Protein backbone atom coordinates (compact mmCIF):
# COMPACT_ATOMS: atom_id res chain seq x y z
CA MET A 1 -0.06 -0.12 0.34
CA ARG A 2 0.94 3.40 -0.72
CA VAL A 3 1.49 4.93 3.00
CA LEU A 4 2.10 8.55 4.09
CA ALA A 5 4.21 8.41 7.43
CA LEU A 6 3.06 11.70 9.09
CA TYR A 7 5.21 12.72 12.04
CA LEU A 8 6.29 16.00 14.12
CA LYS A 9 10.02 16.71 14.04
CA GLU A 10 12.39 16.27 17.00
CA PHE A 11 14.58 18.86 18.22
CA ILE A 12 17.79 17.63 19.33
CA GLU A 13 21.23 18.93 19.97
CA LYS A 14 24.08 17.81 17.93
CA ARG A 15 27.73 18.91 17.10
CA VAL A 16 27.99 20.21 13.40
CA ASN A 17 31.43 21.03 12.08
CA GLY A 18 32.74 21.56 16.07
CA ARG A 19 29.97 23.64 16.96
CA LYS A 20 26.45 22.31 19.02
CA GLN A 21 23.62 23.08 16.98
CA VAL A 22 20.03 22.46 17.06
CA VAL A 23 18.89 20.47 14.79
CA ALA A 24 15.37 18.72 13.28
CA CYS A 25 14.99 15.38 12.88
CA MET A 26 12.61 12.40 12.72
CA PRO A 27 12.21 10.47 15.98
CA GLY A 28 13.54 7.50 16.32
CA THR A 29 10.13 5.37 16.81
CA ASP A 30 8.95 6.90 13.57
CA ARG A 31 12.02 5.98 11.89
CA SER A 32 11.65 2.03 13.41
CA ILE A 33 7.84 2.15 12.16
CA CYS A 34 8.99 3.44 8.49
CA LYS A 35 11.52 0.62 8.53
CA ALA A 36 9.07 -1.92 9.29
CA LEU A 37 6.52 -0.43 6.67
CA GLN A 38 8.85 -1.14 4.10
CA LEU A 39 10.14 -4.63 4.98
CA LYS A 40 6.09 -5.52 4.59
CA GLY A 41 6.30 -3.89 1.26
CA HIS A 42 4.39 -1.09 1.50
CA LYS A 43 5.70 2.26 -0.30
CA VAL A 44 6.14 4.87 1.92
CA THR A 45 6.71 8.51 2.16
CA LYS A 46 7.43 10.86 5.43
CA LEU A 47 5.98 14.10 5.98
CA ALA A 48 7.01 16.00 9.02
CA TYR A 49 3.98 18.11 10.16
CA THR A 50 4.42 21.97 10.55
CA PRO A 51 1.92 22.70 13.37
CA GLY A 52 -0.89 25.58 12.83
CA LYS A 53 -0.76 24.42 8.66
CA SER A 54 -3.68 22.33 7.06
CA ILE A 55 -2.63 19.36 5.55
CA LYS A 56 -2.81 19.44 1.88
CA LEU A 57 -2.76 15.88 -0.09
CA ASP A 58 -4.27 14.92 -2.61
CA LYS A 59 -5.84 11.21 -3.15
CA LYS A 60 -2.73 9.01 -3.72
CA TYR A 61 -2.16 7.54 -0.69
CA ASP A 62 -4.19 4.67 0.63
CA VAL A 63 -3.55 5.44 4.47
CA ILE A 64 -2.16 7.85 6.50
CA PHE A 65 0.21 6.30 9.17
CA ASN A 66 -0.43 9.01 12.16
CA LEU A 67 3.16 9.32 14.19
CA CYS A 68 1.99 12.78 15.65
CA ASP A 69 1.30 11.65 19.47
CA GLY A 70 2.08 15.14 20.53
CA LEU A 71 4.99 13.44 22.83
CA GLU A 72 7.58 15.16 20.56
CA ASP A 73 7.09 18.56 22.12
CA ASP A 74 5.04 18.05 24.85
CA ASN A 75 1.97 19.66 23.62
CA GLU A 76 -1.10 17.26 22.88
CA PHE A 77 -2.98 20.11 21.45
CA VAL A 78 -0.71 19.83 18.34
CA GLU A 79 -2.08 15.98 17.84
CA PHE A 80 -6.07 17.33 17.98
CA GLN A 81 -4.94 19.98 14.97
CA VAL A 82 -2.91 16.76 13.34
CA LEU A 83 -5.72 14.66 13.39
CA LYS A 84 -8.55 17.47 12.68
CA GLY A 85 -6.74 17.77 9.28
CA VAL A 86 -5.96 14.36 8.90
CA GLU A 87 -9.76 13.78 9.45
CA LYS A 88 -10.23 16.48 6.39
CA THR A 89 -8.93 14.31 4.04
CA GLY A 90 -10.94 11.20 4.17
CA ILE A 91 -7.76 9.06 3.63
CA PRO A 92 -8.00 6.12 6.24
CA PHE A 93 -5.52 6.81 8.99
CA THR A 94 -4.14 4.50 11.81
CA GLY A 95 -4.81 5.02 15.42
CA ASN A 96 -8.44 6.66 16.54
CA SER A 97 -10.36 9.49 15.84
CA LEU A 98 -10.03 12.99 17.19
CA LYS A 99 -13.54 12.47 19.54
CA THR A 100 -11.61 9.59 20.88
CA ILE A 101 -8.22 11.30 21.45
CA LYS A 102 -10.15 14.81 22.83
CA LEU A 103 -12.02 12.26 25.45
CA CYS A 104 -9.08 10.46 26.89
CA ASN A 105 -7.07 13.69 27.27
CA ASP A 106 -9.24 14.59 29.88
CA LYS A 107 -9.31 12.03 32.74
CA ARG A 108 -12.24 13.51 34.46
CA ARG A 109 -14.50 12.62 31.11
CA ILE A 110 -12.72 9.12 30.83
CA LYS A 111 -13.87 8.65 34.44
CA GLN A 112 -17.25 10.01 33.97
CA VAL A 113 -17.74 7.41 31.00
CA LEU A 114 -16.40 4.14 32.43
CA VAL A 115 -18.89 5.17 35.59
CA LYS A 116 -21.91 5.75 33.15
CA LYS A 117 -21.04 2.16 31.78
CA GLY A 118 -20.89 0.21 35.18
CA ILE A 119 -17.39 -0.12 34.69
CA SER A 120 -14.97 -0.58 38.06
CA THR A 121 -13.09 2.71 38.13
CA PRO A 122 -11.67 4.19 41.63
CA ASN A 123 -13.76 6.58 43.44
CA PHE A 124 -12.75 10.08 42.82
CA GLN A 125 -13.25 14.06 42.85
CA VAL A 126 -12.31 16.57 40.70
CA PHE A 127 -10.44 19.85 42.35
CA LYS A 128 -10.73 23.17 40.90
CA SER A 129 -9.25 25.03 44.18
CA PHE A 130 -6.87 23.45 46.77
CA GLU A 131 -9.19 24.59 48.89
CA GLN A 132 -12.27 22.72 47.54
CA LYS A 133 -14.19 20.34 49.98
CA LEU A 134 -13.18 16.27 50.13
CA ARG A 135 -16.24 14.62 49.54
CA SER A 136 -17.37 12.08 52.79
CA ASP A 137 -17.24 9.31 50.31
CA MET A 138 -13.44 9.87 49.42
CA HIS A 139 -11.48 7.38 51.77
CA PHE A 140 -7.69 7.75 52.23
CA PRO A 141 -5.04 6.89 50.82
CA LEU A 142 -5.30 9.22 47.52
CA ILE A 143 -3.99 9.83 44.65
CA VAL A 144 -3.58 12.98 42.92
CA LYS A 145 -2.97 13.50 39.02
CA PRO A 146 -3.31 16.57 37.11
CA VAL A 147 -6.64 16.43 34.95
CA CYS A 148 -5.54 17.05 31.53
CA ALA A 149 -1.80 15.44 30.97
CA ASP A 150 -0.46 11.88 29.55
CA ALA A 151 2.70 9.94 29.95
CA ALA A 152 3.44 10.35 33.98
CA VAL A 153 3.42 14.37 33.94
CA GLY A 154 2.70 15.82 36.68
CA ILE A 155 2.78 12.36 38.68
CA TYR A 156 5.08 12.03 42.03
CA ALA A 157 6.50 9.81 44.27
CA ASP A 158 4.53 11.78 46.82
CA SER A 159 1.60 11.77 44.72
CA VAL A 160 -0.16 9.58 47.04
CA VAL A 161 -1.24 11.00 50.24
CA ASN A 162 -2.95 9.90 53.78
CA ASN A 163 -4.41 13.19 55.54
CA GLU A 164 -5.92 16.42 54.62
CA LYS A 165 -2.72 18.59 54.54
CA GLN A 166 -0.99 16.52 52.07
CA LEU A 167 -3.85 16.62 49.81
CA ARG A 168 -4.12 20.53 49.42
CA GLN A 169 -0.41 20.67 49.24
CA ARG A 170 -0.28 18.31 46.27
CA ILE A 171 -3.55 19.44 44.56
CA LYS A 172 -1.68 22.93 44.84
CA ARG A 173 1.14 21.58 43.08
CA VAL A 174 -0.83 20.42 40.05
CA LEU A 175 -2.78 23.39 39.70
CA GLU A 176 0.40 25.81 40.11
CA ARG A 177 3.57 24.23 38.68
CA HIS A 178 1.77 21.99 36.09
CA GLU A 179 -0.93 24.82 34.69
CA GLN A 180 -3.78 22.34 35.34
CA PRO A 181 -7.45 23.50 35.08
CA ALA A 182 -7.85 20.80 37.82
CA ALA A 183 -6.61 18.12 39.56
CA LEU A 184 -7.80 14.60 39.56
CA VAL A 185 -8.29 12.98 42.93
CA SER A 186 -8.79 9.07 42.86
CA GLU A 187 -9.05 6.60 45.68
CA TYR A 188 -5.46 4.79 45.50
CA ILE A 189 -6.04 1.02 45.00
CA GLU A 190 -3.08 -1.11 46.43
CA GLY A 191 -3.05 -4.24 43.94
CA ARG A 192 -0.96 -5.20 40.96
CA ASP A 193 -0.21 -2.95 38.26
CA LEU A 194 -1.58 -3.57 34.85
CA ILE A 195 -1.31 -2.62 30.90
CA ILE A 196 -3.54 -4.42 28.73
CA PRO A 197 -2.81 -3.63 25.00
CA VAL A 198 -5.96 -3.86 22.70
CA MET A 199 -5.93 -3.57 19.10
CA GLY A 200 -9.07 -3.51 16.26
CA LYS A 201 -11.91 -1.68 14.81
CA ARG A 202 -15.37 -3.28 15.43
CA LYS A 203 -13.57 -6.82 16.15
CA ILE A 204 -11.16 -6.22 18.66
CA LYS A 205 -8.01 -8.22 20.29
CA VAL A 206 -7.39 -8.10 24.17
CA LEU A 207 -4.06 -8.75 24.26
CA ASP A 208 -2.16 -10.42 27.43
CA PRO A 209 -1.61 -7.71 29.92
CA THR A 210 1.99 -6.87 31.15
CA GLU A 211 2.73 -6.03 34.76
CA LEU A 212 4.89 -3.20 36.52
CA ARG A 213 7.04 -5.19 39.60
CA TYR A 214 8.36 -2.82 41.93
CA LEU A 215 11.32 -3.76 43.78
CA ARG A 216 13.64 -2.36 46.78
CA SER A 217 13.65 1.37 46.21
CA PHE A 218 9.59 0.92 46.35
CA CYS A 219 9.71 -0.71 50.09
CA LYS A 220 8.75 2.07 51.84
CA ARG A 221 6.85 4.04 49.06
CA PRO A 222 3.49 3.78 47.23
CA LYS A 223 3.89 1.79 44.04
CA ILE A 224 3.27 4.07 41.50
CA LEU A 225 4.77 4.68 38.08
CA SER A 226 5.81 8.63 38.61
CA TYR A 227 7.63 10.76 36.13
CA ALA A 228 11.02 9.89 37.45
CA ALA A 229 10.27 6.18 37.50
CA LYS A 230 9.17 6.12 33.76
CA TRP A 231 11.73 8.24 32.49
CA HIS A 232 14.78 8.97 34.48
CA LYS A 233 16.85 6.00 33.44
CA SER A 234 19.64 7.38 36.07
CA LYS A 235 17.39 6.76 39.33
CA PRO A 236 16.93 3.74 41.22
CA ILE A 237 13.04 3.86 40.87
CA TYR A 238 13.79 3.56 36.94
CA LYS A 239 15.88 0.51 37.76
CA ASP A 240 13.27 -1.20 40.09
CA SER A 241 10.36 -0.49 37.85
CA ILE A 242 10.43 -3.82 35.94
CA THR A 243 7.63 -4.88 33.31
CA LEU A 244 6.74 -9.11 33.21
CA VAL A 245 5.66 -9.79 30.01
CA LYS A 246 5.81 -13.33 29.37
CA ASN A 247 3.85 -16.19 31.05
CA ALA A 248 0.41 -14.63 31.73
CA ASP A 249 -1.51 -17.88 32.55
CA ARG A 250 1.20 -18.27 35.31
CA ARG A 251 0.94 -14.94 36.86
CA PHE A 252 -2.84 -15.13 36.71
CA SER A 253 -5.65 -17.16 37.37
CA LYS A 254 -8.11 -18.39 34.37
CA ASN A 255 -10.68 -16.03 35.88
CA GLU A 256 -8.05 -13.40 37.11
CA LEU A 257 -7.45 -13.28 33.16
CA ARG A 258 -10.88 -13.49 32.20
CA LYS A 259 -11.85 -10.44 33.84
CA VAL A 260 -8.82 -7.99 33.14
CA LYS A 261 -9.52 -8.69 29.33
CA SER A 262 -13.31 -8.44 29.74
CA ALA A 263 -12.50 -5.09 31.72
CA ALA A 264 -10.12 -3.47 29.09
CA ALA A 265 -12.16 -4.59 26.40
CA ALA A 266 -15.38 -2.90 27.69
CA ALA A 267 -13.09 0.52 28.92
CA TYR A 268 -11.38 0.52 25.18
CA ARG A 269 -15.10 0.30 23.34
CA ALA A 270 -16.75 2.99 25.85
CA VAL A 271 -14.00 5.31 25.18
CA GLY A 272 -14.45 5.21 21.21
CA CYS A 273 -11.34 3.63 20.54
CA SER A 274 -11.00 2.24 16.85
CA GLY A 275 -7.30 1.24 16.00
CA TYR A 276 -5.09 0.85 19.08
CA ALA A 277 -4.53 1.76 22.90
CA THR A 278 -3.71 0.57 26.53
CA VAL A 279 -5.74 0.22 29.20
CA ASP A 280 -4.02 0.55 32.89
CA ALA A 281 -5.91 -1.37 35.53
CA ARG A 282 -5.26 -2.44 38.88
CA LEU A 283 -6.29 -5.85 40.18
CA ASP A 284 -6.55 -5.94 44.27
CA LYS A 285 -6.19 -8.81 46.45
CA GLN A 286 -9.60 -9.63 46.27
CA GLY A 287 -9.58 -10.28 42.74
CA ASN A 288 -11.37 -7.10 41.62
CA VAL A 289 -10.33 -5.02 38.52
CA PHE A 290 -10.32 -1.07 38.40
CA VAL A 291 -9.66 0.67 35.05
CA ILE A 292 -7.41 3.74 35.50
CA GLU A 293 -7.43 5.02 32.13
CA VAL A 294 -7.42 4.12 28.69
CA ASN A 295 -4.48 5.29 26.21
CA PRO A 296 -5.49 5.58 22.85
CA ASN A 297 -2.53 5.92 20.06
CA CYS A 298 -0.13 4.79 23.04
CA TRP A 299 3.59 4.32 22.06
CA ILE A 300 3.92 1.47 19.63
CA GLY A 301 8.19 1.56 19.24
CA PRO A 302 9.83 -1.96 19.25
CA LYS A 303 9.82 -1.95 23.15
CA SER A 304 6.30 -0.71 23.58
CA ASP A 305 3.79 -2.90 26.10
CA THR A 306 1.61 -3.82 22.88
CA ALA A 307 5.20 -5.16 20.56
CA LEU A 308 6.60 -6.93 23.61
CA SER A 309 3.50 -8.94 24.51
CA LEU A 310 2.57 -9.43 20.56
CA LYS A 311 6.14 -11.09 20.42
CA LYS A 312 6.51 -12.93 23.57
CA ASN A 313 2.70 -14.39 23.97
CA TYR A 314 2.02 -14.76 20.45
CA CYS A 315 4.62 -14.78 18.40
CA VAL A 316 4.29 -11.81 16.28
CA ASP A 317 7.53 -9.84 15.16
CA TYR A 318 7.13 -6.08 15.20
CA PRO A 319 7.11 -5.33 11.41
CA ASP A 320 3.88 -7.34 11.30
CA MET A 321 2.42 -5.50 14.15
CA ILE A 322 2.72 -2.31 12.40
CA ASP A 323 1.47 -4.05 9.45
CA LYS A 324 -1.83 -5.42 11.37
CA ILE A 325 -2.27 -1.57 12.42
CA VAL A 326 -2.37 -0.39 9.00
CA LYS A 327 -4.84 -3.15 8.15
CA ILE A 328 -7.26 -2.02 10.87
CA ALA A 329 -7.07 1.45 9.96
CA VAL A 330 -8.36 0.39 6.27
CA ARG A 331 -11.24 -2.12 7.18
CA LYS A 332 -14.16 -0.62 6.90
């Protein structure tokens, strides 16, 4: 197929003729995806999206591979611009719709949809001010997050709180330091931390969940994936948060695995996903599954949860995964 790979430029510092310069380039994950597409026989054209400009294309492409997930410049609203332009072309595109991306960018709205659909999610309250009263049905410990952020932005090792004083401090930090319209406060669920990849449009495939295990550094702190634990490779908490991929049938009972996959499928459909996503969930000691959030157009690099689960559990290699995403996009 004729594939247009639409991406956002990444700006990195490099030495050019002995001088440090900021150079624009294609992100590494995007290059991996383009290589995978070519290995599967697709004719790939690369196009860097310029924020603020409309996307003008002819109809010579069979599909647009949307690589603009907003992470390159930490501006998710660029992703909205891209999708608006992509949808106007009328060409099939990978990933999810603008409507779904906008919904899932707002954690408050995800929660509201999950509750409306009867999908179990931790009890929550939205705070527009750190002085707002805590509802009587909210029970400590609580976790405080930005209402509109992803990739663990705004989540710290001390984001789990045990009293009102800590709660007010964390809400204030989210509102002021991260310039958020509101803070999402949820009851903290002690349990197994799961990421469940899901793919498909009308017919969906829920993959075996990957599981985050927290080692020595987390002995005296809540087991959450903070921004530092997710991205700061030099820190002990990064090294002590490991991902288990294989042997889901050994890590879970049949009933647990069924409940986890069922909850992920329900959440995926509830928010209108139609390409690929991961669902974050917690499994407590009583076997209850709580959906935390849904991540449409999640990272799909070679070491992503989706790629690892497919390779380790289903013997599907990376080029085949990328090819599958293309086929989902063009499927009516």
